[in-house]
Amino acid sequence: ALKGILTFTGIRSGKYILEEIKAPEGYSLLADRYEISVIRDSAGGFKVQITKADKNPDRVKIIENKIAVFDERVYEFTLIKTDIIDNAATSLYGIKNRLDGAEFTLSWKLSNGGNVVVRKKTETDINTGEKGILRFSGLTAGVYTLKETEPPKGYAPLNKEFEITITPGLVNTKPV
């Protein structure tokens, strides 16, 4: 069998629901359910149609009478919160004063006009023991806004928001 191919046999004419239960590792799950119609013709062949795709019609298409599902790769980025004294560091090894307890908010607009907000606090990485680590994962390509919503105890808050653009294979950051 070819990688990524799923074949259903013996399907009768009718309407079916296509729903992705588990995405391949590193890809986002289809958030929508799709109504698929299978129509038999008089010659014994069939035609497949997508009859309902409300949220993401571009993620599922009919190509050569076959259903193609287009999963989107997901990305992550890591933030390290540190004391200003480490500002001259030129590598991660030069950052010695990492800070736990800062809260950051990551927000982005959805294609349907909605807004998603995720809040996380910096903490010690349970695998490495490094302090001041914050990871946002499961992100798809797009433009995000990052803001510190609570500084660590004894520190002034950052007074800037940062725009983070994720494009396939690249994460760019700039102050807003």
C-alpha atoms as a PDB file:
ATOM      1  CA  ALA A   1       0.000   0.000   0.000  1.00  0.00           C
ATOM      2  CA  LEU A   2       1.093   3.551  -0.655  1.00  0.00           C
ATOM      3  CA  LYS A   3       1.916   5.778   2.299  1.00  0.00           C
ATOM      4  CA  GLY A   4      -1.036   8.000   3.222  1.00  0.00           C
ATOM      5  CA  ILE A   5      -3.600   6.016   1.204  1.00  0.00           C
ATOM      6  CA  LEU A   6      -6.732   4.628   2.822  1.00  0.00           C
ATOM      7  CA  THR A   7      -9.143   2.588   0.684  1.00  0.00           C
ATOM      8  CA  PHE A   8     -12.760   1.781   1.443  1.00  0.00           C
ATOM      9  CA  THR A   9     -14.355  -1.002  -0.606  1.00  0.00           C
ATOM     10  CA  GLY A  10     -17.942  -2.156  -0.982  1.00  0.00           C
ATOM     11  CA  ILE A  11     -19.393   1.241  -0.191  1.00  0.00           C
ATOM     12  CA  ARG A  12     -22.976   1.770  -1.297  1.00  0.00           C
ATOM     13  CA  SER A  13     -24.455   4.961  -2.711  1.00  0.00           C
ATOM     14  CA  GLY A  14     -25.284   7.390   0.044  1.00  0.00           C
ATOM     15  CA  LYS A  15     -23.999  10.075   2.345  1.00  0.00           C
ATOM     16  CA  TYR A  16     -21.088   9.517   4.708  1.00  0.00           C
ATOM     17  CA  ILE A  17     -19.263  11.582   7.321  1.00  0.00           C
ATOM     18  CA  LEU A  18     -15.490  11.915   6.958  1.00  0.00           C
ATOM     19  CA  GLU A  19     -13.791  12.780  10.238  1.00  0.00           C
ATOM     20  CA  GLU A  20     -10.097  12.592  11.022  1.00  0.00           C
ATOM     21  CA  ILE A  21      -9.693  10.939  14.430  1.00  0.00           C
ATOM     22  CA  LYS A  22      -5.894  11.141  14.661  1.00  0.00           C
ATOM     23  CA  ALA A  23      -3.534  13.217  12.532  1.00  0.00           C
ATOM     24  CA  PRO A  24      -0.085  11.977  11.570  1.00  0.00           C
ATOM     25  CA  GLU A  25       2.614  13.052  14.032  1.00  0.00           C
ATOM     26  CA  GLY A  26       3.668  16.658  13.408  1.00  0.00           C
ATOM     27  CA  TYR A  27       0.390  17.597  11.697  1.00  0.00           C
ATOM     28  CA  SER A  28      -2.803  19.274  12.872  1.00  0.00           C
ATOM     29  CA  LEU A  29      -6.055  17.365  13.113  1.00  0.00           C
ATOM     30  CA  LEU A  30      -8.865  18.349  10.749  1.00  0.00           C
ATOM     31  CA  ALA A  31     -11.207  20.344  12.960  1.00  0.00           C
ATOM     32  CA  ASP A  32     -14.227  19.838  10.755  1.00  0.00           C
ATOM     33  CA  ARG A  33     -16.373  16.870   9.762  1.00  0.00           C
ATOM     34  CA  TYR A  34     -17.084  16.549   6.055  1.00  0.00           C
ATOM     35  CA  GLU A  35     -20.197  15.137   4.443  1.00  0.00           C
ATOM     36  CA  ILE A  36     -19.284  12.969   1.468  1.00  0.00           C
ATOM     37  CA  SER A  37     -21.755  11.618  -1.096  1.00  0.00           C
ATOM     38  CA  VAL A  38     -21.098   8.478  -3.114  1.00  0.00           C
ATOM     39  CA  ILE A  39     -23.244   8.254  -6.227  1.00  0.00           C
ATOM     40  CA  ARG A  40     -23.309   5.061  -8.362  1.00  0.00           C
ATOM     41  CA  ASP A  41     -23.887   5.445 -12.082  1.00  0.00           C
ATOM     42  CA  SER A  42     -25.644   3.059 -14.491  1.00  0.00           C
ATOM     43  CA  ALA A  43     -22.301   1.707 -15.821  1.00  0.00           C
ATOM     44  CA  GLY A  44     -21.339   0.373 -12.372  1.00  0.00           C
ATOM     45  CA  GLY A  45     -18.924   3.211 -11.617  1.00  0.00           C
ATOM     46  CA  PHE A  46     -19.316   5.888  -9.004  1.00  0.00           C
ATOM     47  CA  LYS A  47     -18.798   9.556  -8.358  1.00  0.00           C
ATOM     48  CA  VAL A  48     -17.635  11.079  -5.063  1.00  0.00           C
ATOM     49  CA  GLN A  49     -18.721  14.566  -3.979  1.00  0.00           C
ATOM     50  CA  ILE A  50     -18.117  16.712  -0.919  1.00  0.00           C
ATOM     51  CA  THR A  51     -21.606  17.894  -0.013  1.00  0.00           C
ATOM     52  CA  LYS A  52     -20.820  19.770   3.204  1.00  0.00           C
ATOM     53  CA  ALA A  53     -17.562  21.371   4.372  1.00  0.00           C
ATOM     54  CA  ASP A  54     -18.404  24.387   6.512  1.00  0.00           C
ATOM     55  CA  LYS A  55     -15.192  25.480   8.209  1.00  0.00           C
ATOM     56  CA  ASN A  56     -12.252  24.427   6.046  1.00  0.00           C
ATOM     57  CA  PRO A  57     -13.380  23.550   2.525  1.00  0.00           C
ATOM     58  CA  ASP A  58      -9.795  23.825   1.230  1.00  0.00           C
ATOM     59  CA  ARG A  59      -8.536  20.998   3.513  1.00  0.00           C
ATOM     60  CA  VAL A  60     -10.475  18.259   1.677  1.00  0.00           C
ATOM     61  CA  LYS A  61     -10.824  18.047  -2.127  1.00  0.00           C
ATOM     62  CA  ILE A  62     -11.948  15.564  -4.737  1.00  0.00           C
ATOM     63  CA  ILE A  63      -9.116  14.826  -7.171  1.00  0.00           C
ATOM     64  CA  GLU A  64      -9.666  12.267  -9.941  1.00  0.00           C
ATOM     65  CA  ASN A  65     -12.737  10.971  -8.084  1.00  0.00           C
ATOM     66  CA  LYS A  66     -10.694  10.355  -4.931  1.00  0.00           C
ATOM     67  CA  ILE A  67     -10.839  12.246  -1.635  1.00  0.00           C
ATOM     68  CA  ALA A  68      -7.601  14.103  -0.824  1.00  0.00           C
ATOM     69  CA  VAL A  69      -7.144  15.337   2.763  1.00  0.00           C
ATOM     70  CA  PHE A  70      -4.577  18.098   3.244  1.00  0.00           C
ATOM     71  CA  ASP A  71      -3.209  18.094   6.790  1.00  0.00           C
ATOM     72  CA  GLU A  72      -1.253  21.104   7.965  1.00  0.00           C
ATOM     73  CA  ARG A  73       2.154  20.771   9.633  1.00  0.00           C
ATOM     74  CA  VAL A  74       2.378  22.064  13.210  1.00  0.00           C
ATOM     75  CA  TYR A  75       5.261  24.017  14.737  1.00  0.00           C
ATOM     76  CA  GLU A  76       6.534  25.047  18.145  1.00  0.00           C
ATOM     77  CA  PHE A  77       8.774  27.689  19.592  1.00  0.00           C
ATOM     78  CA  THR A  78      10.579  28.042  22.900  1.00  0.00           C
ATOM     79  CA  LEU A  79      10.862  31.231  24.921  1.00  0.00           C
ATOM     80  CA  ILE A  80      13.526  31.746  27.602  1.00  0.00           C
ATOM     81  CA  LYS A  81      12.774  34.412  30.220  1.00  0.00           C
ATOM     82  CA  THR A  82      15.946  35.868  31.703  1.00  0.00           C
ATOM     83  CA  ASP A  83      17.264  38.745  33.803  1.00  0.00           C
ATOM     84  CA  ILE A  84      18.456  41.838  31.888  1.00  0.00           C
ATOM     85  CA  ILE A  85      21.956  41.102  33.179  1.00  0.00           C
ATOM     86  CA  ASP A  86      22.172  38.331  30.523  1.00  0.00           C
ATOM     87  CA  ASN A  87      21.400  40.771  27.686  1.00  0.00           C
ATOM     88  CA  ALA A  88      24.984  40.572  26.380  1.00  0.00           C
ATOM     89  CA  ALA A  89      24.850  36.767  25.968  1.00  0.00           C
ATOM     90  CA  THR A  90      25.726  35.570  22.455  1.00  0.00           C
ATOM     91  CA  SER A  91      24.642  31.953  22.970  1.00  0.00           C
ATOM     92  CA  LEU A  92      22.165  30.030  25.096  1.00  0.00           C
ATOM     93  CA  TYR A  93      25.070  28.903  27.288  1.00  0.00           C
ATOM     94  CA  GLY A  94      25.696  32.556  28.195  1.00  0.00           C
ATOM     95  CA  ILE A  95      22.214  32.927  29.707  1.00  0.00           C
ATOM     96  CA  LYS A  96      22.711  32.180  33.403  1.00  0.00           C
ATOM     97  CA  ASN A  97      19.873  34.037  35.164  1.00  0.00           C
ATOM     98  CA  ARG A  98      16.711  32.365  33.879  1.00  0.00           C
ATOM     99  CA  LEU A  99      13.428  33.323  35.531  1.00  0.00           C
ATOM    100  CA  ASP A 100      10.445  31.154  36.395  1.00  0.00           C
ATOM    101  CA  GLY A 101       6.992  32.590  37.091  1.00  0.00           C
ATOM    102  CA  ALA A 102       6.512  34.997  34.167  1.00  0.00           C
ATOM    103  CA  GLU A 103       3.161  34.606  32.416  1.00  0.00           C
ATOM    104  CA  PHE A 104       2.894  35.136  28.661  1.00  0.00           C
ATOM    105  CA  THR A 105      -0.180  35.272  26.453  1.00  0.00           C
ATOM    106  CA  LEU A 106      -0.086  34.046  22.858  1.00  0.00           C
ATOM    107  CA  SER A 107      -3.057  35.049  20.715  1.00  0.00           C
ATOM    108  CA  TRP A 108      -4.053  34.707  17.087  1.00  0.00           C
ATOM    109  CA  LYS A 109      -7.022  35.204  14.793  1.00  0.00           C
ATOM    110  CA  LEU A 110      -8.859  32.262  13.285  1.00  0.00           C
ATOM    111  CA  SER A 111      -9.956  32.224   9.656  1.00  0.00           C
ATOM    112  CA  ASN A 112     -13.609  32.341  10.800  1.00  0.00           C
ATOM    113  CA  GLY A 113     -12.951  35.642  12.639  1.00  0.00           C
ATOM    114  CA  GLY A 114     -12.644  34.122  16.116  1.00  0.00           C
ATOM    115  CA  ASN A 115      -9.708  34.716  18.434  1.00  0.00           C
ATOM    116  CA  VAL A 116      -7.651  32.168  20.400  1.00  0.00           C
ATOM    117  CA  VAL A 117      -5.717  33.083  23.542  1.00  0.00           C
ATOM    118  CA  VAL A 118      -3.298  30.760  25.364  1.00  0.00           C
ATOM    119  CA  ARG A 119      -1.676  31.745  28.687  1.00  0.00           C
ATOM    120  CA  LYS A 120       1.387  29.965  30.032  1.00  0.00           C
ATOM    121  CA  LYS A 121       3.945  30.546  32.791  1.00  0.00           C
ATOM    122  CA  THR A 122       7.667  30.061  32.502  1.00  0.00           C
ATOM    123  CA  GLU A 123       8.866  27.159  34.591  1.00  0.00           C
ATOM    124  CA  THR A 124      11.716  24.751  35.117  1.00  0.00           C
ATOM    125  CA  ASP A 125      11.960  22.182  32.320  1.00  0.00           C
ATOM    126  CA  ILE A 126      11.330  18.776  33.906  1.00  0.00           C
ATOM    127  CA  ASN A 127      13.648  17.062  31.403  1.00  0.00           C
ATOM    128  CA  THR A 128      16.668  19.388  31.530  1.00  0.00           C
ATOM    129  CA  GLY A 129      16.253  21.265  34.823  1.00  0.00           C
ATOM    130  CA  GLU A 130      16.611  24.591  32.987  1.00  0.00           C
ATOM    131  CA  LYS A 131      14.624  27.476  34.483  1.00  0.00           C
ATOM    132  CA  GLY A 132      12.602  30.134  32.667  1.00  0.00           C
ATOM    133  CA  ILE A 133      11.423  27.891  29.822  1.00  0.00           C
ATOM    134  CA  LEU A 134       8.129  28.314  28.003  1.00  0.00           C
ATOM    135  CA  ARG A 135       7.081  26.244  24.978  1.00  0.00           C
ATOM    136  CA  PHE A 136       4.153  26.866  22.678  1.00  0.00           C
ATOM    137  CA  SER A 137       3.499  23.854  20.462  1.00  0.00           C
ATOM    138  CA  GLY A 138       0.862  22.596  18.046  1.00  0.00           C
ATOM    139  CA  LEU A 139       0.892  25.914  16.166  1.00  0.00           C
ATOM    140  CA  THR A 140       0.036  26.146  12.492  1.00  0.00           C
ATOM    141  CA  ALA A 141       1.462  28.687  10.045  1.00  0.00           C
ATOM    142  CA  GLY A 142       0.163  32.178  10.804  1.00  0.00           C
ATOM    143  CA  VAL A 143       0.721  35.431  12.666  1.00  0.00           C
ATOM    144  CA  TYR A 144       0.630  35.420  16.471  1.00  0.00           C
ATOM    145  CA  THR A 145       0.903  38.114  19.143  1.00  0.00           C
ATOM    146  CA  LEU A 146       3.005  37.396  22.248  1.00  0.00           C
ATOM    147  CA  LYS A 147       2.695  39.536  25.359  1.00  0.00           C
ATOM    148  CA  GLU A 148       4.022  39.210  28.882  1.00  0.00           C
ATOM    149  CA  THR A 149       0.917  39.451  31.074  1.00  0.00           C
ATOM    150  CA  GLU A 150       2.622  38.895  34.431  1.00  0.00           C
ATOM    151  CA  PRO A 151       6.325  39.421  35.194  1.00  0.00           C
ATOM    152  CA  PRO A 152       8.267  37.257  37.649  1.00  0.00           C
ATOM    153  CA  LYS A 153       8.185  38.511  41.247  1.00  0.00           C
ATOM    154  CA  GLY A 154      10.455  41.516  41.707  1.00  0.00           C
ATOM    155  CA  TYR A 155      10.668  42.357  37.970  1.00  0.00           C
ATOM    156  CA  ALA A 156       9.027  45.026  35.819  1.00  0.00           C
ATOM    157  CA  PRO A 157       6.799  43.782  32.991  1.00  0.00           C
ATOM    158  CA  LEU A 158       7.859  43.982  29.360  1.00  0.00           C
ATOM    159  CA  ASN A 159       5.915  46.867  27.868  1.00  0.00           C
ATOM    160  CA  LYS A 160       5.952  45.544  24.301  1.00  0.00           C
ATOM    161  CA  GLU A 161       3.989  43.018  22.340  1.00  0.00           C
ATOM    162  CA  PHE A 162       5.806  40.828  19.846  1.00  0.00           C
ATOM    163  CA  GLU A 163       4.468  39.669  16.505  1.00  0.00           C
ATOM    164  CA  ILE A 164       5.521  36.118  15.721  1.00  0.00           C
ATOM    165  CA  THR A 165       5.100  34.877  12.174  1.00  0.00           C
ATOM    166  CA  ILE A 166       5.295  31.165  11.527  1.00  0.00           C
ATOM    167  CA  THR A 167       5.790  30.100   7.942  1.00  0.00           C
ATOM    168  CA  PRO A 168       6.666  26.535   6.956  1.00  0.00           C
ATOM    169  CA  GLY A 169      10.186  25.908   8.285  1.00  0.00           C
ATOM    170  CA  LEU A 170      10.699  29.390   9.797  1.00  0.00           C
ATOM    171  CA  VAL A 171       9.654  31.416  12.861  1.00  0.00           C
ATOM    172  CA  ASN A 172      10.203  35.211  12.743  1.00  0.00           C
ATOM    173  CA  THR A 173       9.758  37.629  15.652  1.00  0.00           C
ATOM    174  CA  LYS A 174       9.488  41.429  15.742  1.00  0.00           C
ATOM    175  CA  PRO A 175       8.305  43.975  18.308  1.00  0.00           C
ATOM    176  CA  VAL A 176       4.866  45.463  17.643  1.00  0.00           C
END
